[in-house]
């Protein structure tokens, strides 16, 4: 299961959808690093789980205080194997 640390609920600056931003690890397709998720479908704070439109289930770690100002590029780290 992918894990998202230092996460915050936000709006994708390009696509305009509700999503999460944070540091992803253990994603089956993406390399570890800062990431905007795809559109948020479910956010279960009682169980620390988020589900996105792509079907990815994220285990949520500690939330962030804020999305860093220095992160300007939308999207996620490079796909594994690239």
C-alpha atoms as a PDB file:
ATOM      1  CA  UNK A   1       0.000   0.000   0.000  1.00  0.00           C
ATOM      2  CA  UNK A   2       1.264   3.465  -0.841  1.00  0.00           C
ATOM      3  CA  UNK A   3       1.937   5.762   2.105  1.00  0.00           C
ATOM      4  CA  UNK A   4       1.566   9.539   2.166  1.00  0.00           C
ATOM      5  CA  UNK A   5       3.490  11.561   4.764  1.00  0.00           C
ATOM      6  CA  UNK A   6       3.466  15.311   5.395  1.00  0.00           C
ATOM      7  CA  UNK A   7       0.183  15.421   3.501  1.00  0.00           C
ATOM      8  CA  UNK A   8      -2.365  18.183   3.102  1.00  0.00           C
ATOM      9  CA  UNK A   9      -5.751  18.329   1.432  1.00  0.00           C
ATOM     10  CA  UNK A  10      -5.562  20.846  -1.396  1.00  0.00           C
ATOM     11  CA  UNK A  11      -6.655  21.614  -4.955  1.00  0.00           C
ATOM     12  CA  UNK A  12      -4.569  20.507  -7.930  1.00  0.00           C
ATOM     13  CA  UNK A  13      -3.286  23.809  -9.398  1.00  0.00           C
ATOM     14  CA  UNK A  14      -3.637  22.603 -13.004  1.00  0.00           C
ATOM     15  CA  UNK A  15      -6.649  20.302 -13.014  1.00  0.00           C
ATOM     16  CA  UNK A  16      -8.610  22.061 -10.263  1.00  0.00           C
ATOM     17  CA  UNK A  17      -9.751  18.924  -8.465  1.00  0.00           C
ATOM     18  CA  UNK A  18      -9.731  18.107  -4.758  1.00  0.00           C
ATOM     19  CA  UNK A  19      -6.614  16.073  -3.978  1.00  0.00           C
ATOM     20  CA  UNK A  20      -3.851  15.439  -1.476  1.00  0.00           C
ATOM     21  CA  UNK A  21      -0.271  16.671  -1.642  1.00  0.00           C
ATOM     22  CA  UNK A  22       2.510  14.992   0.299  1.00  0.00           C
ATOM     23  CA  UNK A  23       5.518  12.719   0.254  1.00  0.00           C
ATOM     24  CA  UNK A  24       4.639   9.344  -1.231  1.00  0.00           C
ATOM     25  CA  UNK A  25       6.482   6.073  -0.579  1.00  0.00           C
ATOM     26  CA  UNK A  26       5.706   2.541  -1.674  1.00  0.00           C
ATOM     27  CA  UNK A  27       3.560   3.516  -4.650  1.00  0.00           C
ATOM     28  CA  UNK A  28       3.329   0.685  -7.201  1.00  0.00           C
ATOM     29  CA  UNK A  29       4.019   3.008 -10.174  1.00  0.00           C
ATOM     30  CA  UNK A  30       5.645   6.218  -8.891  1.00  0.00           C
ATOM     31  CA  UNK A  31       9.060   6.775  -7.388  1.00  0.00           C
ATOM     32  CA  UNK A  32       9.198   8.047  -3.822  1.00  0.00           C
ATOM     33  CA  UNK A  33       8.925  11.823  -3.429  1.00  0.00           C
ATOM     34  CA  UNK A  34       6.562  14.805  -3.374  1.00  0.00           C
ATOM     35  CA  UNK A  35       3.292  14.191  -5.146  1.00  0.00           C
ATOM     36  CA  UNK A  36      -0.161  15.524  -5.920  1.00  0.00           C
ATOM     37  CA  UNK A  37      -2.597  12.613  -5.942  1.00  0.00           C
ATOM     38  CA  UNK A  38      -5.279  12.123  -8.535  1.00  0.00           C
ATOM     39  CA  UNK A  39      -8.768  13.311  -7.609  1.00  0.00           C
ATOM     40  CA  UNK A  40      -9.719  12.464  -4.038  1.00  0.00           C
ATOM     41  CA  UNK A  41     -12.652  10.032  -3.759  1.00  0.00           C
ATOM     42  CA  UNK A  42     -12.566   9.146  -0.057  1.00  0.00           C
ATOM     43  CA  UNK A  43     -10.764  10.536   2.981  1.00  0.00           C
ATOM     44  CA  UNK A  44     -11.192   8.423   6.127  1.00  0.00           C
ATOM     45  CA  UNK A  45      -9.347  10.185   8.936  1.00  0.00           C
ATOM     46  CA  UNK A  46     -10.589   7.704  11.529  1.00  0.00           C
ATOM     47  CA  UNK A  47      -8.658   4.917   9.763  1.00  0.00           C
ATOM     48  CA  UNK A  48      -5.975   7.134   8.132  1.00  0.00           C
ATOM     49  CA  UNK A  49      -6.857   6.039   4.603  1.00  0.00           C
ATOM     50  CA  UNK A  50      -7.401   7.992   1.374  1.00  0.00           C
ATOM     51  CA  UNK A  51      -8.687   6.591  -1.921  1.00  0.00           C
ATOM     52  CA  UNK A  52      -8.197   8.433  -5.208  1.00  0.00           C
ATOM     53  CA  UNK A  53      -9.929   8.356  -8.588  1.00  0.00           C
ATOM     54  CA  UNK A  54      -7.124   6.193  -9.990  1.00  0.00           C
ATOM     55  CA  UNK A  55      -7.947   3.565  -7.372  1.00  0.00           C
ATOM     56  CA  UNK A  56      -4.804   4.057  -5.325  1.00  0.00           C
ATOM     57  CA  UNK A  57      -5.294   3.512  -1.612  1.00  0.00           C
ATOM     58  CA  UNK A  58      -2.982   5.600   0.549  1.00  0.00           C
ATOM     59  CA  UNK A  59      -2.135   4.973   4.168  1.00  0.00           C
ATOM     60  CA  UNK A  60      -1.896   8.443   5.695  1.00  0.00           C
ATOM     61  CA  UNK A  61       0.983   9.301   7.972  1.00  0.00           C
ATOM     62  CA  UNK A  62       1.431  12.591   9.796  1.00  0.00           C
ATOM     63  CA  UNK A  63      -0.178  15.599   8.094  1.00  0.00           C
ATOM     64  CA  UNK A  64       1.843  18.634   7.024  1.00  0.00           C
ATOM     65  CA  UNK A  65       1.484  22.132   8.399  1.00  0.00           C
ATOM     66  CA  UNK A  66       1.155  23.458   4.836  1.00  0.00           C
ATOM     67  CA  UNK A  67       1.977  22.715   1.208  1.00  0.00           C
ATOM     68  CA  UNK A  68       5.489  24.095   0.617  1.00  0.00           C
ATOM     69  CA  UNK A  69       5.690  27.320  -1.401  1.00  0.00           C
ATOM     70  CA  UNK A  70       8.792  26.117  -3.204  1.00  0.00           C
ATOM     71  CA  UNK A  71       6.904  23.244  -4.856  1.00  0.00           C
ATOM     72  CA  UNK A  72       5.613  24.757  -8.095  1.00  0.00           C
ATOM     73  CA  UNK A  73       5.390  21.888 -10.558  1.00  0.00           C
ATOM     74  CA  UNK A  74       2.195  19.825 -10.480  1.00  0.00           C
ATOM     75  CA  UNK A  75       2.252  16.072 -10.656  1.00  0.00           C
ATOM     76  CA  UNK A  76       4.294  13.353  -9.113  1.00  0.00           C
ATOM     77  CA  UNK A  77       7.817  12.022  -9.234  1.00  0.00           C
ATOM     78  CA  UNK A  78       8.967  10.043 -12.229  1.00  0.00           C
ATOM     79  CA  UNK A  79       7.506   6.625 -12.804  1.00  0.00           C
ATOM     80  CA  UNK A  80       9.605   3.752 -11.572  1.00  0.00           C
ATOM     81  CA  UNK A  81      12.043   2.410 -14.132  1.00  0.00           C
ATOM     82  CA  UNK A  82      12.292   5.710 -16.069  1.00  0.00           C
END
